[in-house]
Protein backbone atom coordinates (compact mmCIF):
# COMPACT_ATOMS: atom_id res chain seq x y z
CA MET A 1 124.31 132.04 1.05
CA SER A 2 121.82 133.62 -1.29
CA ARG A 3 123.30 134.84 -4.57
CA LEU A 4 121.96 137.10 -7.31
CA VAL A 5 122.04 134.91 -10.45
CA ALA A 6 121.52 136.14 -14.03
CA VAL A 7 120.12 133.47 -16.34
CA THR A 8 119.75 133.26 -20.11
CA GLY A 9 117.63 130.55 -21.69
CA ALA A 10 115.42 130.45 -18.63
CA THR A 11 112.24 129.80 -20.60
CA GLY A 12 113.74 126.75 -22.34
CA PHE A 13 113.51 123.12 -21.28
CA ILE A 14 116.58 123.15 -19.01
CA GLY A 15 116.00 126.68 -17.88
CA GLN A 16 112.55 126.18 -16.50
CA HIS A 17 113.75 123.27 -14.34
CA LEU A 18 116.82 125.26 -13.24
CA ILE A 19 115.05 128.44 -12.08
CA ARG A 20 112.66 126.43 -9.94
CA LEU A 21 115.60 124.74 -8.24
CA LEU A 22 117.63 127.91 -7.72
CA ALA A 23 114.65 129.74 -6.32
CA ALA A 24 113.83 126.86 -3.97
CA ARG A 25 117.44 127.11 -2.69
CA GLY A 26 116.95 130.79 -1.85
CA HIS A 27 118.79 132.42 -4.74
CA ARG A 28 117.57 135.68 -6.34
CA LEU A 29 117.07 135.45 -10.06
CA ARG A 30 117.24 137.92 -12.95
CA LEU A 31 116.22 136.48 -16.29
CA LEU A 32 116.74 137.67 -19.83
CA VAL A 33 113.31 137.31 -21.54
CA ARG A 34 111.54 138.22 -24.70
CA GLY A 35 107.89 139.26 -24.17
CA LEU A 36 106.01 138.07 -21.09
CA PRO A 37 106.77 134.34 -20.66
CA SER A 38 104.88 132.05 -18.33
CA LEU A 39 107.16 131.46 -15.35
CA PRO A 40 106.64 129.61 -12.08
CA ALA A 41 105.82 131.66 -9.00
CA CYS A 42 108.95 131.99 -6.91
CA ASP A 43 109.92 133.50 -3.57
CA PRO A 44 111.77 135.79 -3.75
CA PRO A 45 110.06 137.07 -6.95
CA ILE A 46 111.95 136.74 -10.18
CA GLU A 47 113.26 139.91 -11.81
CA LEU A 48 112.80 140.07 -15.56
CA GLN A 49 115.15 141.89 -17.97
CA PRO A 50 113.52 142.35 -21.40
CA GLY A 51 115.76 141.83 -24.40
CA ASP A 52 117.59 139.19 -26.38
CA LEU A 53 121.11 137.94 -26.89
CA ARG A 54 121.85 140.33 -29.70
CA GLU A 55 121.18 143.46 -27.61
CA ARG A 56 124.35 144.41 -25.82
CA ALA A 57 122.59 147.04 -23.71
CA ALA A 58 120.11 144.40 -22.48
CA LEU A 59 122.93 142.03 -21.66
CA GLU A 60 124.73 144.67 -19.60
CA ARG A 61 121.58 145.42 -17.64
CA LEU A 62 121.13 141.70 -17.08
CA VAL A 63 124.51 141.26 -15.43
CA GLU A 64 124.69 144.51 -13.49
CA GLY A 65 125.87 143.70 -9.97
CA VAL A 66 125.19 139.95 -10.17
CA ASP A 67 127.22 137.24 -8.35
CA VAL A 68 126.75 134.55 -11.02
CA VAL A 69 125.83 134.42 -14.68
CA LEU A 70 124.33 131.14 -15.92
CA HIS A 71 124.37 131.17 -19.73
CA LEU A 72 122.09 128.43 -20.97
CA ALA A 73 120.79 129.98 -24.17
CA GLY A 74 122.18 128.68 -27.44
CA ALA A 75 121.26 127.78 -31.02
CA ILE A 76 120.94 124.06 -31.78
CA LYS A 77 119.46 124.64 -35.24
CA ALA A 78 119.72 127.51 -37.71
CA LEU A 79 119.08 128.28 -41.35
CA ALA A 80 122.56 129.80 -41.84
CA ASP A 81 125.99 129.48 -40.34
CA ALA A 82 125.90 133.15 -39.38
CA ASP A 83 122.86 132.48 -37.18
CA PHE A 84 124.76 129.85 -35.26
CA ARG A 85 127.69 132.17 -34.86
CA ALA A 86 125.58 135.12 -33.72
CA VAL A 87 124.19 133.09 -30.77
CA ASN A 88 126.81 130.53 -29.89
CA VAL A 89 129.91 132.75 -30.31
CA ASP A 90 129.14 136.44 -30.48
CA ALA A 91 126.51 136.43 -27.73
CA VAL A 92 128.81 134.48 -25.41
CA ALA A 93 131.55 137.02 -25.96
CA ALA A 94 129.25 139.99 -25.45
CA LEU A 95 127.73 138.52 -22.26
CA ALA A 96 131.17 137.59 -20.83
CA GLU A 97 132.56 141.05 -21.60
CA GLY A 98 129.57 142.65 -20.04
CA THR A 99 129.96 140.48 -16.94
CA ALA A 100 133.64 141.43 -16.61
CA ARG A 101 132.62 145.14 -16.65
CA ARG A 102 129.27 145.27 -14.82
CA ALA A 103 128.95 142.25 -12.51
CA ARG A 104 130.55 142.00 -9.10
CA PRO A 105 134.37 141.83 -9.18
CA ASP A 106 134.43 138.13 -8.23
CA ALA A 107 131.43 137.15 -10.34
CA LEU A 108 131.32 133.63 -11.80
CA PHE A 109 130.39 132.99 -15.43
CA VAL A 110 128.94 129.52 -16.07
CA LEU A 111 128.56 128.54 -19.72
CA VAL A 112 126.43 125.45 -20.45
CA SER A 113 128.05 124.07 -23.59
CA SER A 114 127.83 120.71 -25.36
CA LEU A 115 129.87 117.58 -25.75
CA ALA A 116 129.73 118.36 -29.44
CA ALA A 117 132.38 121.05 -28.80
CA ARG A 118 134.87 118.17 -28.43
CA GLU A 119 134.64 117.59 -32.19
CA PRO A 120 134.34 121.00 -33.81
CA SER A 121 135.02 119.68 -37.33
CA LEU A 122 131.78 117.72 -37.43
CA SER A 123 129.23 120.50 -37.79
CA THR A 124 128.67 124.24 -37.62
CA TYR A 125 126.86 123.74 -34.38
CA ALA A 126 129.89 121.92 -32.88
CA ALA A 127 132.32 124.48 -34.28
CA THR A 128 130.41 127.44 -32.88
CA LYS A 129 130.02 125.80 -29.47
CA ARG A 130 133.79 125.32 -29.36
CA ALA A 131 134.43 128.82 -30.56
CA GLY A 132 132.14 130.18 -27.82
CA GLU A 133 134.10 128.24 -25.23
CA ASP A 134 137.42 129.48 -26.65
CA GLY A 135 136.21 133.08 -26.63
CA LEU A 136 135.29 132.86 -22.96
CA SER A 137 138.56 131.23 -22.04
CA ALA A 138 140.43 133.98 -23.90
CA LEU A 139 139.33 136.48 -21.25
CA GLY A 140 141.85 134.87 -18.93
CA PRO A 141 142.01 136.15 -15.37
CA ARG A 142 139.55 138.95 -16.16
CA GLN A 143 136.65 136.50 -15.66
CA ARG A 144 136.08 133.50 -13.41
CA ARG A 145 134.56 130.83 -15.63
CA VAL A 146 133.27 127.28 -15.56
CA ILE A 147 132.27 125.63 -18.82
CA VAL A 148 130.01 122.57 -18.57
CA ARG A 149 129.76 120.38 -21.63
CA ALA A 150 126.39 118.72 -21.36
CA PRO A 151 125.45 115.47 -23.11
CA ALA A 152 121.97 114.62 -24.36
CA VAL A 153 119.59 116.00 -21.72
CA TYR A 154 116.14 114.43 -21.31
CA GLY A 155 113.24 114.58 -18.93
CA PRO A 156 109.70 115.95 -18.50
CA GLY A 157 108.98 118.78 -20.95
CA ASP A 158 111.70 117.97 -23.47
CA ARG A 159 110.62 118.24 -27.08
CA GLU A 160 113.93 117.39 -28.72
CA THR A 161 113.97 113.70 -27.54
CA LEU A 162 110.19 113.30 -28.01
CA VAL A 163 110.66 112.03 -31.49
CA PHE A 164 112.85 109.24 -30.10
CA PHE A 165 110.15 108.14 -27.69
CA LYS A 166 107.45 108.35 -30.42
CA ALA A 167 109.43 106.03 -32.62
CA ALA A 168 109.92 103.57 -29.72
CA ALA A 169 106.14 103.75 -29.02
CA ARG A 170 105.54 102.59 -32.58
CA GLY A 171 107.87 99.67 -32.02
CA TRP A 172 110.63 101.00 -34.29
CA SER A 173 113.95 102.63 -33.75
CA MET A 174 116.37 103.74 -36.41
CA VAL A 175 120.11 103.56 -35.95
CA PRO A 176 122.96 104.06 -38.43
CA SER A 177 124.21 100.91 -40.05
CA GLY A 178 127.70 99.72 -39.36
CA THR A 179 128.04 101.31 -35.99
CA ASP A 180 126.44 101.40 -32.59
CA GLY A 181 127.79 104.64 -31.27
CA ARG A 182 127.97 105.34 -27.62
CA VAL A 183 126.29 108.44 -26.17
CA ALA A 184 126.21 110.03 -22.72
CA MET A 185 122.89 110.99 -21.17
CA ILE A 186 121.69 112.95 -18.19
CA HIS A 187 118.30 113.65 -16.66
CA VAL A 188 117.44 117.34 -16.57
CA ARG A 189 117.11 117.45 -12.78
CA ASP A 190 120.58 115.91 -12.31
CA LEU A 191 122.05 118.52 -14.65
CA CYS A 192 120.31 121.30 -12.77
CA ALA A 193 121.44 119.96 -9.42
CA ALA A 194 125.01 120.08 -10.70
CA LEU A 195 124.61 123.62 -11.97
CA ALA A 196 123.09 124.77 -8.68
CA ALA A 197 126.04 123.18 -6.84
CA ILE A 198 128.43 125.04 -9.12
CA VAL A 199 126.69 128.32 -8.27
CA GLU A 200 127.20 127.59 -4.57
CA ARG A 201 130.61 125.93 -4.62
CA PRO A 202 132.35 126.48 -7.92
CA PRO A 203 135.31 124.32 -9.02
CA ALA A 204 138.45 125.84 -10.51
CA ASP A 205 138.11 127.66 -13.81
CA GLY A 206 138.02 125.20 -16.69
CA VAL A 207 136.07 122.99 -19.07
CA TYR A 208 134.17 120.09 -17.54
CA GLU A 209 131.98 117.20 -18.73
CA ILE A 210 128.95 115.70 -17.05
CA ASP A 211 126.70 112.69 -17.54
CA ASP A 212 124.58 110.17 -15.61
CA GLY A 213 127.63 108.32 -14.33
CA THR A 214 127.36 105.36 -16.71
CA GLN A 215 130.87 104.31 -17.64
CA GLY A 216 131.23 104.21 -21.39
CA GLY A 217 127.85 105.75 -21.97
CA HIS A 218 124.90 104.05 -23.62
CA THR A 219 124.59 102.46 -27.03
CA LEU A 220 121.85 103.68 -29.36
CA ARG A 221 120.38 100.17 -29.34
CA SER A 222 120.25 100.05 -25.56
CA LEU A 223 118.51 103.44 -25.43
CA ALA A 224 115.89 102.31 -27.92
CA ALA A 225 115.31 99.09 -26.05
CA MET A 226 114.99 100.88 -22.73
CA ALA A 227 112.53 103.42 -24.17
CA ALA A 228 110.37 100.66 -25.60
CA ASP A 229 110.52 98.57 -22.48
CA VAL A 230 109.29 101.34 -20.15
CA MET A 231 106.34 101.81 -22.57
CA GLY A 232 105.57 98.10 -22.59
CA HIS A 233 106.58 97.56 -26.21
CA ARG A 234 109.12 95.53 -28.07
CA VAL A 235 111.30 97.46 -30.45
CA ARG A 236 112.58 96.52 -33.87
CA ILE A 237 115.87 98.15 -34.95
CA ALA A 238 116.03 99.55 -38.43
CA LYS A 239 119.59 100.01 -39.65
CA LEU A 240 119.82 102.99 -41.97
CA PRO A 241 122.67 103.26 -44.48
CA HIS A 242 124.71 106.38 -44.14
CA ARG A 243 123.68 107.60 -47.63
CA VAL A 244 119.99 107.36 -46.61
CA LEU A 245 120.63 109.50 -43.52
CA GLY A 246 122.56 112.00 -45.65
CA GLY A 247 119.76 112.14 -48.24
CA TYR A 248 117.13 112.67 -45.54
CA ALA A 249 119.18 115.48 -44.01
CA ALA A 250 119.57 117.12 -47.37
CA ALA A 251 115.81 116.96 -47.92
CA GLN A 252 115.13 118.41 -44.49
CA GLN A 253 117.51 121.28 -45.09
CA PHE A 254 115.93 122.03 -48.47
CA ALA A 255 112.43 122.02 -46.91
CA ALA A 256 113.68 124.24 -44.12
CA ARG A 257 114.90 126.87 -46.55
CA LEU A 258 111.52 126.82 -48.32
CA ARG A 259 109.63 127.23 -45.00
CA GLY A 260 112.05 129.73 -43.59
CA ARG A 261 112.34 127.68 -40.40
CA PRO A 262 115.41 125.64 -39.40
CA ALA A 263 115.27 121.88 -39.23
CA ILE A 264 116.87 119.93 -36.41
CA VAL A 265 118.16 117.29 -38.83
CA SER A 266 121.05 118.53 -41.00
CA SER A 267 124.09 117.10 -42.65
CA GLY A 268 126.07 118.31 -39.62
CA LYS A 269 123.70 116.55 -37.21
CA VAL A 270 124.15 113.30 -39.25
CA ARG A 271 127.85 113.58 -38.89
CA GLU A 272 127.47 114.07 -35.10
CA LEU A 273 125.13 111.00 -35.03
CA LEU A 274 127.71 108.91 -36.84
CA HIS A 275 130.50 109.81 -34.44
CA PRO A 276 131.30 106.56 -32.59
CA ASP A 277 131.90 107.87 -29.07
CA TRP A 278 130.03 110.64 -27.22
CA SER A 279 130.69 109.05 -23.80
CA VAL A 280 132.15 111.08 -20.97
CA ARG A 281 135.60 110.28 -19.63
CA ASP A 282 136.26 113.43 -17.64
CA ARG A 283 134.96 112.88 -14.01
CA ARG A 284 136.57 115.97 -12.44
CA LEU A 285 133.30 117.79 -12.00
CA ALA A 286 131.51 114.92 -10.32
CA ASP A 287 134.49 114.34 -8.07
CA TRP A 288 134.68 118.03 -7.08
CA LEU A 289 130.99 118.42 -6.39
CA GLN A 290 130.72 114.99 -4.70
CA LEU A 291 127.32 114.90 -6.38
CA GLY A 292 126.44 111.65 -8.10
CA PRO A 293 123.43 111.41 -10.44
CA ALA A 294 120.21 110.68 -8.52
CA ILE A 295 118.18 109.40 -11.47
CA ASP A 296 119.20 106.28 -13.39
CA LEU A 297 118.16 105.80 -16.99
CA ARG A 298 115.18 103.50 -16.36
CA THR A 299 113.74 105.70 -13.69
CA GLY A 300 114.30 108.79 -15.81
CA PHE A 301 112.79 107.27 -18.96
CA THR A 302 109.77 106.01 -17.00
CA GLU A 303 109.12 109.45 -15.49
CA THR A 304 109.57 111.12 -18.87
CA VAL A 305 107.13 108.78 -20.62
CA GLU A 306 104.53 109.25 -17.86
CA TRP A 307 104.83 113.01 -18.24
CA TYR A 308 104.51 112.82 -22.05
CA ARG A 309 101.39 110.66 -21.69
CA ALA A 310 99.85 112.86 -19.00
CA HIS A 311 100.29 115.88 -21.29
CA ARG A 312 99.13 113.93 -24.38
CA TRP A 313 102.44 114.27 -26.14
CA LEU A 314 102.53 110.53 -26.58
């Protein structure tokens, strides 16, 4: 059955893949956008709602009469803690409250969060992602809600993991010394397939985790080796002392303040990187959806590298 779905973050990496899939499955889309973004042609046509996450009136217009809200937008880097909070906490609350008032009575709110929310003490990013989840859950029975904690998401068009592939292309990969932490991964199309399935057949309200199905996740070394292998290179592992990582993060944050643009590397991100286990143990979502990942790591990395090369990113 076709549903009217409101989407935030639709022009981002995950969002662009997701709206193509939802439209192909016959859903009607209303997107929160700033300006006139370049979007794929879809049938039925996409409805655009101008505005941003800090405009409550725009959020209420976005969710008016919808069946589902898919909240993808979030801040992964910021110059100040207040900027993280404005997007990852306050905007979630405003959008959820607007949904409870203006959407259909049985509307579903889907929040795409992060595994970082499991460890809110590590960084401002992690703390605000957790606070956003908690604020949504505090609405109780007023709002149907599914929270999906996503791991590292990769695939064609992703700029955040590009630096990882560039390092592997040069034959080097840097990992923290003294640990080989485990991380969960998922290809963007597998994540989007799960989100589309939630739209059509939602599980019970709650917080869920998702990954590519690899038990125990992947080590940082194995990811580096796989990336180099699909590019036809051998990789050398450089073990960086924790103090070097901390110093680099401090330098990046100082430079970011001078430029007035946030850096992805921060002291909080370093603490996240040093956490020993970002693997997924909660399989309830995969069991409910009966939807296993379709793209294994080698296939996904190969496709991603080919896309980067075709678009001259590598």
